[in-house]
């Protein structure tokens, strides 16, 4: 018999049962990287995380004979629905054994919850929005996920499609390798003339003035992404929290900015070292000594992940993306990093796909957001 329990995120034991279930799902997976428990616990903290200022998350677990066999969260994102004038209800933090009946019960529960909130579309997975880990991996299972990217068993797609969810948008992860970039004569020509023709200059993020740099990034983020499918404006509180988290792992040589002649920032990119190669053995914990392994294990890292690249609309099509990609690859080689993942890039974003062609990037993983009409 399958039963559903509502999880109270304000109760420590409830939250622990919800968070710990993914260890059951991935105990035999060679590629899953456990998220840091402190990060997940913070994200699922209604009293502290800024997402809850404009949203709600209700978590559920499915049990069979008293044992947890699946989990899911119903997510109401007021920022998204106000921005898009929509009534979309999201789901996320989905994990389930390979059993369609259990998956159906979980999806029925979030559907019922969203119907009570007057939402008419069910969409996901997002954890808890597209500003965090998002999308279901549907191709590229034979590789570890890079930093802040999701991983899941291949059968999840079938569970969702059998429930009536269909792909709403695909998102691509591109692999970029140093030899393809440095041997690309077109790229070398473009990056040399792009700054001159656009009357701009390149610099790196100034970590000593990080609060000011965050303001520049915030401005470009909202303008550069506002027309993208699935865009959710980030609140100041969410951006500030993310900035504080990134301070510990930010390497300014992977954070180029481009300024115009007035000193205004018109483009930026942000890549992070793929610390997953180090944290994979941490089992979700930094303590008591894993933080030292993270601190002194940087030489193991051969990848960066480009997770943000934004250019103001009036400066697009001038080759500035190539300038920033080249800068990050060049700087990576100095510290033994020779590969980059650019993710994720929407299938509906031809400009970014064109930029990937310039640096000879190739799609090596595909993610998807699924949806279903529920009212």
Protein backbone atom coordinates (compact mmCIF):
# COMPACT_ATOMS: atom_id res chain seq x y z
CA UNK A 1 0.00 0.00 0.00
CA UNK A 2 1.30 3.45 -0.95
CA UNK A 3 0.77 6.38 1.39
CA UNK A 4 1.74 10.05 1.09
CA UNK A 5 3.10 12.09 3.98
CA UNK A 6 3.38 15.87 4.06
CA UNK A 7 6.84 17.03 5.14
CA UNK A 8 7.12 19.95 7.56
CA UNK A 9 10.32 21.74 6.57
CA UNK A 10 10.42 23.46 9.95
CA UNK A 11 10.89 20.08 11.64
CA UNK A 12 14.48 18.83 11.57
CA UNK A 13 13.62 15.13 11.42
CA UNK A 14 11.05 15.64 8.67
CA UNK A 15 13.51 17.56 6.54
CA UNK A 16 16.25 14.98 7.13
CA UNK A 17 14.00 12.16 5.90
CA UNK A 18 13.25 14.15 2.76
CA UNK A 19 16.86 15.17 2.07
CA UNK A 20 18.40 11.79 2.80
CA UNK A 21 16.26 9.82 0.37
CA UNK A 22 18.42 10.65 -2.64
CA UNK A 23 21.23 8.62 -1.03
CA UNK A 24 18.97 5.58 -1.38
CA UNK A 25 18.30 6.30 -5.06
CA UNK A 26 21.96 6.87 -5.99
CA UNK A 27 23.74 4.41 -3.71
CA UNK A 28 24.90 2.37 -6.72
CA UNK A 29 25.37 5.26 -9.17
CA UNK A 30 28.96 5.79 -10.36
CA UNK A 31 28.26 9.35 -11.53
CA UNK A 32 26.00 11.02 -8.97
CA UNK A 33 27.62 13.76 -6.86
CA UNK A 34 25.86 14.33 -3.55
CA UNK A 35 24.95 17.99 -3.00
CA UNK A 36 26.33 19.54 0.16
CA UNK A 37 23.76 18.97 2.88
CA UNK A 38 24.31 22.46 4.27
CA UNK A 39 23.31 23.94 0.89
CA UNK A 40 20.16 21.81 0.51
CA UNK A 41 19.13 22.38 4.12
CA UNK A 42 19.48 26.12 3.60
CA UNK A 43 17.45 26.05 0.39
CA UNK A 44 14.73 24.10 2.18
CA UNK A 45 14.61 26.50 5.13
CA UNK A 46 11.44 28.63 4.94
CA UNK A 47 12.64 30.82 7.80
CA UNK A 48 15.96 31.81 6.25
CA UNK A 49 16.16 31.32 2.48
CA UNK A 50 15.04 34.39 0.48
CA UNK A 51 13.11 32.31 -2.07
CA UNK A 52 10.29 32.05 0.48
CA UNK A 53 9.79 35.82 0.53
CA UNK A 54 7.97 35.40 -2.80
CA UNK A 55 7.29 31.70 -2.98
CA UNK A 56 6.17 28.55 -1.22
CA UNK A 57 7.46 24.98 -1.18
CA UNK A 58 5.48 22.02 0.08
CA UNK A 59 7.32 18.71 0.24
CA UNK A 60 5.88 15.20 0.20
CA UNK A 61 7.22 11.66 0.53
CA UNK A 62 5.64 8.43 -0.71
CA UNK A 63 5.88 5.36 1.50
CA UNK A 64 5.28 1.68 0.83
CA UNK A 65 5.04 -0.53 3.91
CA UNK A 66 6.47 2.30 5.98
CA UNK A 67 9.58 2.83 3.80
CA UNK A 68 10.16 5.97 1.75
CA UNK A 69 10.13 5.12 -1.96
CA UNK A 70 9.75 8.57 -3.50
CA UNK A 71 9.74 12.30 -2.80
CA UNK A 72 8.63 15.50 -4.52
CA UNK A 73 8.07 19.19 -3.82
CA UNK A 74 5.25 21.42 -5.01
CA UNK A 75 6.63 24.90 -5.67
CA UNK A 76 4.66 28.13 -6.02
CA UNK A 77 6.86 30.90 -7.46
CA UNK A 78 5.12 34.27 -7.26
CA UNK A 79 8.05 36.06 -8.94
CA UNK A 80 7.72 33.87 -12.01
CA UNK A 81 3.95 34.11 -12.29
CA UNK A 82 3.89 37.87 -11.78
CA UNK A 83 6.62 38.41 -14.38
CA UNK A 84 4.99 36.14 -16.97
CA UNK A 85 1.35 36.88 -16.04
CA UNK A 86 0.83 33.14 -15.68
CA UNK A 87 -0.43 30.51 -13.24
CA UNK A 88 2.32 27.90 -13.47
CA UNK A 89 2.84 25.46 -10.63
CA UNK A 90 6.28 23.92 -10.40
CA UNK A 91 7.61 20.65 -9.07
CA UNK A 92 11.13 19.81 -8.01
CA UNK A 93 13.42 17.79 -5.72
CA UNK A 94 11.90 14.72 -7.41
CA UNK A 95 13.38 11.32 -6.63
CA UNK A 96 11.60 7.99 -7.07
CA UNK A 97 12.30 4.29 -7.42
CA UNK A 98 11.52 2.82 -10.83
CA UNK A 99 7.82 2.33 -10.19
CA UNK A 100 5.16 4.13 -12.25
CA UNK A 101 2.46 3.75 -9.59
CA UNK A 102 4.58 5.58 -7.03
CA UNK A 103 5.53 8.31 -9.49
CA UNK A 104 1.86 8.79 -10.38
CA UNK A 105 0.90 9.17 -6.72
CA UNK A 106 3.60 11.80 -6.23
CA UNK A 107 2.60 13.77 -9.34
CA UNK A 108 -1.07 13.49 -8.37
CA UNK A 109 -0.26 15.02 -5.01
CA UNK A 110 1.56 18.07 -6.41
CA UNK A 111 -1.17 18.45 -9.05
CA UNK A 112 -3.82 18.47 -6.33
CA UNK A 113 -1.82 21.00 -4.32
CA UNK A 114 -1.36 23.32 -7.30
CA UNK A 115 -5.00 23.09 -8.27
CA UNK A 116 -5.84 24.36 -4.79
CA UNK A 117 -3.54 27.32 -5.55
CA UNK A 118 -5.40 27.95 -8.83
CA UNK A 119 -2.37 27.03 -10.95
CA UNK A 120 -3.22 25.57 -14.36
CA UNK A 121 0.10 24.18 -15.62
CA UNK A 122 2.47 21.76 -13.89
CA UNK A 123 6.10 22.32 -14.87
CA UNK A 124 9.51 21.06 -13.74
CA UNK A 125 11.81 19.87 -12.43
CA UNK A 126 13.30 23.00 -10.87
CA UNK A 127 14.99 23.13 -7.47
CA UNK A 128 13.23 25.52 -6.81
CA UNK A 129 13.51 27.73 -9.94
CA UNK A 130 15.58 28.13 -13.10
CA UNK A 131 18.00 30.23 -11.05
CA UNK A 132 19.09 27.00 -9.35
CA UNK A 133 19.61 23.40 -10.52
CA UNK A 134 16.97 22.82 -13.17
CA UNK A 135 15.93 20.31 -15.78
CA UNK A 136 15.87 16.56 -16.12
CA UNK A 137 18.92 14.94 -17.68
CA UNK A 138 17.67 13.06 -20.77
CA UNK A 139 20.95 12.46 -22.64
CA UNK A 140 24.55 12.19 -21.43
CA UNK A 141 24.37 9.83 -18.45
CA UNK A 142 27.91 8.48 -18.74
CA UNK A 143 29.61 11.46 -17.12
CA UNK A 144 29.59 13.15 -13.71
CA UNK A 145 27.54 16.36 -13.45
CA UNK A 146 29.53 19.57 -13.26
CA UNK A 147 29.20 22.06 -10.43
CA UNK A 148 25.60 23.16 -9.76
CA UNK A 149 24.19 20.81 -12.43
CA UNK A 150 21.72 18.01 -11.82
CA UNK A 151 21.92 14.27 -12.41
CA UNK A 152 19.19 11.62 -12.40
CA UNK A 153 18.51 8.02 -13.48
CA UNK A 154 17.50 7.56 -17.15
CA UNK A 155 14.12 6.06 -16.20
CA UNK A 156 12.86 9.37 -14.76
CA UNK A 157 11.97 10.54 -18.27
CA UNK A 158 9.69 7.53 -18.76
CA UNK A 159 8.02 8.09 -15.38
CA UNK A 160 7.19 11.66 -16.34
CA UNK A 161 6.06 10.94 -19.87
CA UNK A 162 3.85 8.06 -18.76
CA UNK A 163 2.15 10.48 -16.39
CA UNK A 164 1.35 12.79 -19.31
CA UNK A 165 4.14 15.31 -18.87
CA UNK A 166 5.80 16.34 -22.14
CA UNK A 167 9.01 18.21 -22.97
CA UNK A 168 8.40 21.93 -22.87
CA UNK A 169 11.99 23.06 -23.42
CA UNK A 170 15.35 21.40 -23.97
CA UNK A 171 18.53 22.83 -22.49
CA UNK A 172 21.98 21.92 -23.74
CA UNK A 173 25.33 21.53 -22.04
CA UNK A 174 28.23 22.19 -24.42
CA UNK A 175 31.75 20.85 -24.04
CA UNK A 176 34.53 23.22 -25.04
CA UNK A 177 38.12 21.99 -25.20
CA UNK A 178 41.22 24.15 -25.25
CA UNK A 179 42.70 22.77 -28.48
CA UNK A 180 39.47 23.51 -30.35
CA UNK A 181 39.44 27.08 -29.08
CA UNK A 182 43.08 27.98 -29.60
CA UNK A 183 43.19 26.40 -33.06
CA UNK A 184 40.13 28.30 -34.25
CA UNK A 185 41.44 31.02 -36.56
CA UNK A 186 38.01 32.64 -36.83
CA UNK A 187 37.82 33.01 -33.06
CA UNK A 188 41.29 34.51 -32.89
CA UNK A 189 40.34 37.08 -35.54
CA UNK A 190 37.03 37.90 -33.89
CA UNK A 191 38.40 38.38 -30.40
CA UNK A 192 41.13 40.71 -31.66
CA UNK A 193 38.77 43.11 -33.42
CA UNK A 194 35.60 42.78 -31.31
CA UNK A 195 36.70 45.12 -28.53
CA UNK A 196 38.03 47.69 -30.97
CA UNK A 197 34.92 47.80 -33.13
CA UNK A 198 32.56 48.00 -30.17
CA UNK A 199 34.74 50.61 -28.41
CA UNK A 200 34.92 48.47 -25.29
CA UNK A 201 37.60 47.06 -23.02
CA UNK A 202 38.04 43.83 -21.07
CA UNK A 203 38.78 43.51 -17.38
CA UNK A 204 38.28 40.95 -14.62
CA UNK A 205 35.93 41.19 -11.66
CA UNK A 206 37.45 43.17 -8.80
CA UNK A 207 36.98 40.99 -5.73
CA UNK A 208 37.80 43.93 -3.44
CA UNK A 209 34.76 45.75 -4.82
CA UNK A 210 32.52 42.72 -5.04
CA UNK A 211 29.40 44.49 -3.80
CA UNK A 212 29.69 47.02 -6.63
CA UNK A 213 30.40 44.26 -9.15
CA UNK A 214 27.26 42.43 -7.99
CA UNK A 215 25.25 45.53 -8.83
CA UNK A 216 26.69 45.51 -12.37
CA UNK A 217 25.89 41.81 -12.73
CA UNK A 218 22.37 42.31 -11.39
CA UNK A 219 21.66 45.00 -13.97
CA UNK A 220 22.92 42.90 -16.88
CA UNK A 221 21.29 39.71 -15.59
CA UNK A 222 17.81 41.19 -15.60
CA UNK A 223 18.20 42.93 -18.97
CA UNK A 224 20.07 40.17 -20.80
CA UNK A 225 17.82 37.30 -19.73
CA UNK A 226 14.39 38.92 -19.44
CA UNK A 227 13.22 37.65 -22.85
CA UNK A 228 14.52 34.10 -22.30
CA UNK A 229 12.06 31.26 -21.87
CA UNK A 230 11.65 30.42 -18.19
CA UNK A 231 13.39 33.55 -16.92
CA UNK A 232 12.72 34.36 -13.28
CA UNK A 233 13.88 37.72 -11.89
CA UNK A 234 16.17 37.18 -8.94
CA UNK A 235 15.37 39.22 -5.87
CA UNK A 236 18.11 41.33 -4.31
CA UNK A 237 18.10 38.98 -1.33
CA UNK A 238 18.64 35.91 -3.54
CA UNK A 239 21.43 37.60 -5.49
CA UNK A 240 23.16 38.70 -2.30
CA UNK A 241 22.93 35.18 -0.89
CA UNK A 242 24.37 33.72 -4.08
CA UNK A 243 27.19 36.28 -4.03
CA UNK A 244 28.09 35.35 -0.47
CA UNK A 245 28.14 31.66 -1.38
CA UNK A 246 30.28 32.26 -4.45
CA UNK A 247 32.86 34.35 -2.58
CA UNK A 248 34.41 31.15 -1.25
CA UNK A 249 34.97 29.58 -4.67
CA UNK A 250 35.09 32.62 -6.98
CA UNK A 251 38.26 32.83 -9.06
CA UNK A 252 38.36 36.25 -10.75
CA UNK A 253 40.35 34.95 -13.73
CA UNK A 254 37.14 33.17 -14.73
CA UNK A 255 34.97 36.25 -14.28
CA UNK A 256 35.60 38.65 -17.19
CA UNK A 257 33.69 41.91 -17.61
CA UNK A 258 33.49 44.25 -20.59
CA UNK A 259 33.07 48.01 -20.23
CA UNK A 260 32.13 50.68 -22.76
CA UNK A 261 33.90 54.00 -23.19
CA UNK A 262 31.87 55.48 -20.30
CA UNK A 263 33.08 52.82 -17.89
CA UNK A 264 29.69 51.07 -17.85
CA UNK A 265 29.70 47.28 -17.67
CA UNK A 266 27.91 45.95 -20.76
CA UNK A 267 28.79 42.25 -20.59
CA UNK A 268 30.05 39.70 -18.12
CA UNK A 269 30.69 36.00 -17.80
CA UNK A 270 31.15 33.78 -14.79
CA UNK A 271 32.74 30.36 -14.69
CA UNK A 272 33.47 28.23 -11.66
CA UNK A 273 36.01 25.49 -11.15
CA UNK A 274 34.27 22.13 -11.18
CA UNK A 275 34.77 21.27 -7.52
CA UNK A 276 32.49 18.24 -7.97
CA UNK A 277 35.59 16.21 -8.79
CA UNK A 278 36.70 16.85 -5.19
CA UNK A 279 33.35 16.83 -3.36
CA UNK A 280 32.16 13.60 -4.97
CA UNK A 281 33.60 11.60 -2.07
CA UNK A 282 32.31 13.95 0.63
CA UNK A 283 28.86 12.29 0.94
CA UNK A 284 27.36 15.74 1.25
CA UNK A 285 29.42 16.94 4.20
CA UNK A 286 32.25 19.47 4.43
CA UNK A 287 33.13 18.57 7.99
CA UNK A 288 35.14 17.70 9.91
CA UNK A 289 38.05 17.64 7.43
CA UNK A 290 36.56 17.66 3.93
CA UNK A 291 36.86 21.44 3.66
CA UNK A 292 40.63 20.98 3.80
CA UNK A 293 40.46 18.54 0.88
CA UNK A 294 38.46 21.17 -1.00
CA UNK A 295 41.02 23.83 -0.17
CA UNK A 296 44.09 21.82 -1.15
CA UNK A 297 42.67 19.64 -3.93
CA UNK A 298 42.39 22.29 -6.63
CA UNK A 299 45.06 20.68 -8.83
CA UNK A 300 42.68 17.78 -9.51
CA UNK A 301 40.28 20.10 -11.31
CA UNK A 302 40.47 20.03 -15.12
CA UNK A 303 37.07 21.62 -15.90
CA UNK A 304 35.37 24.93 -15.41
CA UNK A 305 31.66 25.45 -15.88
CA UNK A 306 30.51 28.66 -17.57
CA UNK A 307 27.22 29.20 -15.79
CA UNK A 308 26.53 32.82 -16.69
CA UNK A 309 27.24 34.90 -19.78
CA UNK A 310 25.23 38.04 -20.37
CA UNK A 311 25.51 40.85 -22.89
CA UNK A 312 23.27 43.90 -23.03
CA UNK A 313 21.03 43.76 -26.14
CA UNK A 314 22.67 46.71 -27.88
CA UNK A 315 26.11 45.06 -27.66
CA UNK A 316 25.14 41.63 -28.99
CA UNK A 317 26.38 40.30 -32.31
CA UNK A 318 29.72 42.08 -31.93
CA UNK A 319 31.81 39.06 -30.90
CA UNK A 320 32.06 39.98 -27.21
CA UNK A 321 31.02 36.47 -26.19
CA UNK A 322 34.05 35.11 -28.08
CA UNK A 323 36.29 37.57 -26.24
CA UNK A 324 35.09 36.30 -22.85
CA UNK A 325 35.23 32.60 -23.79
CA UNK A 326 38.78 33.03 -25.04
CA UNK A 327 39.82 34.86 -21.87
CA UNK A 328 38.48 32.12 -19.61
CA UNK A 329 40.05 29.29 -21.62
CA UNK A 330 43.38 31.12 -21.80
CA UNK A 331 43.39 31.72 -18.05
CA UNK A 332 42.36 28.14 -17.38
CA UNK A 333 45.37 26.78 -19.19
CA UNK A 334 47.64 28.67 -16.80
CA UNK A 335 46.32 26.57 -13.91
CA UNK A 336 45.96 23.23 -15.66
CA UNK A 337 42.30 23.56 -16.70
CA UNK A 338 41.75 22.65 -20.34
CA UNK A 339 38.01 21.97 -20.64
CA UNK A 340 34.85 23.96 -20.06
CA UNK A 341 31.17 23.16 -19.89
CA UNK A 342 28.82 25.93 -21.00
CA UNK A 343 25.45 25.19 -19.46
CA UNK A 344 22.74 25.38 -19.80
CA UNK A 345 21.82 26.93 -23.17
CA UNK A 346 18.20 26.88 -24.29
CA UNK A 347 17.27 25.20 -27.58
CA UNK A 348 15.37 28.45 -28.31
CA UNK A 349 18.48 30.63 -27.96
CA UNK A 350 20.16 30.73 -31.40
CA UNK A 351 22.53 33.56 -30.41
CA UNK A 352 24.16 31.51 -27.66
CA UNK A 353 24.24 28.43 -29.89
CA UNK A 354 26.00 30.50 -32.54
CA UNK A 355 28.53 31.56 -29.91
CA UNK A 356 29.19 27.92 -29.15
CA UNK A 357 29.94 27.24 -32.81
CA UNK A 358 32.53 30.01 -32.80
CA UNK A 359 34.45 28.25 -30.01
CA UNK A 360 33.85 24.78 -31.54
CA UNK A 361 31.65 23.72 -28.64
CA UNK A 362 29.72 20.46 -28.96
CA UNK A 363 26.53 19.38 -27.21
CA UNK A 364 27.35 16.50 -24.88
CA UNK A 365 24.42 16.58 -22.46
CA UNK A 366 20.75 17.46 -22.85
CA UNK A 367 18.32 18.44 -20.12
CA UNK A 368 14.59 19.11 -20.37
CA UNK A 369 11.78 20.89 -18.56
CA UNK A 370 8.49 19.00 -18.67
CA UNK A 371 4.96 20.30 -18.33
CA UNK A 372 1.30 19.29 -18.29
CA UNK A 373 -2.01 21.15 -18.30
CA UNK A 374 -3.74 20.51 -14.97
CA UNK A 375 -6.78 22.82 -15.08
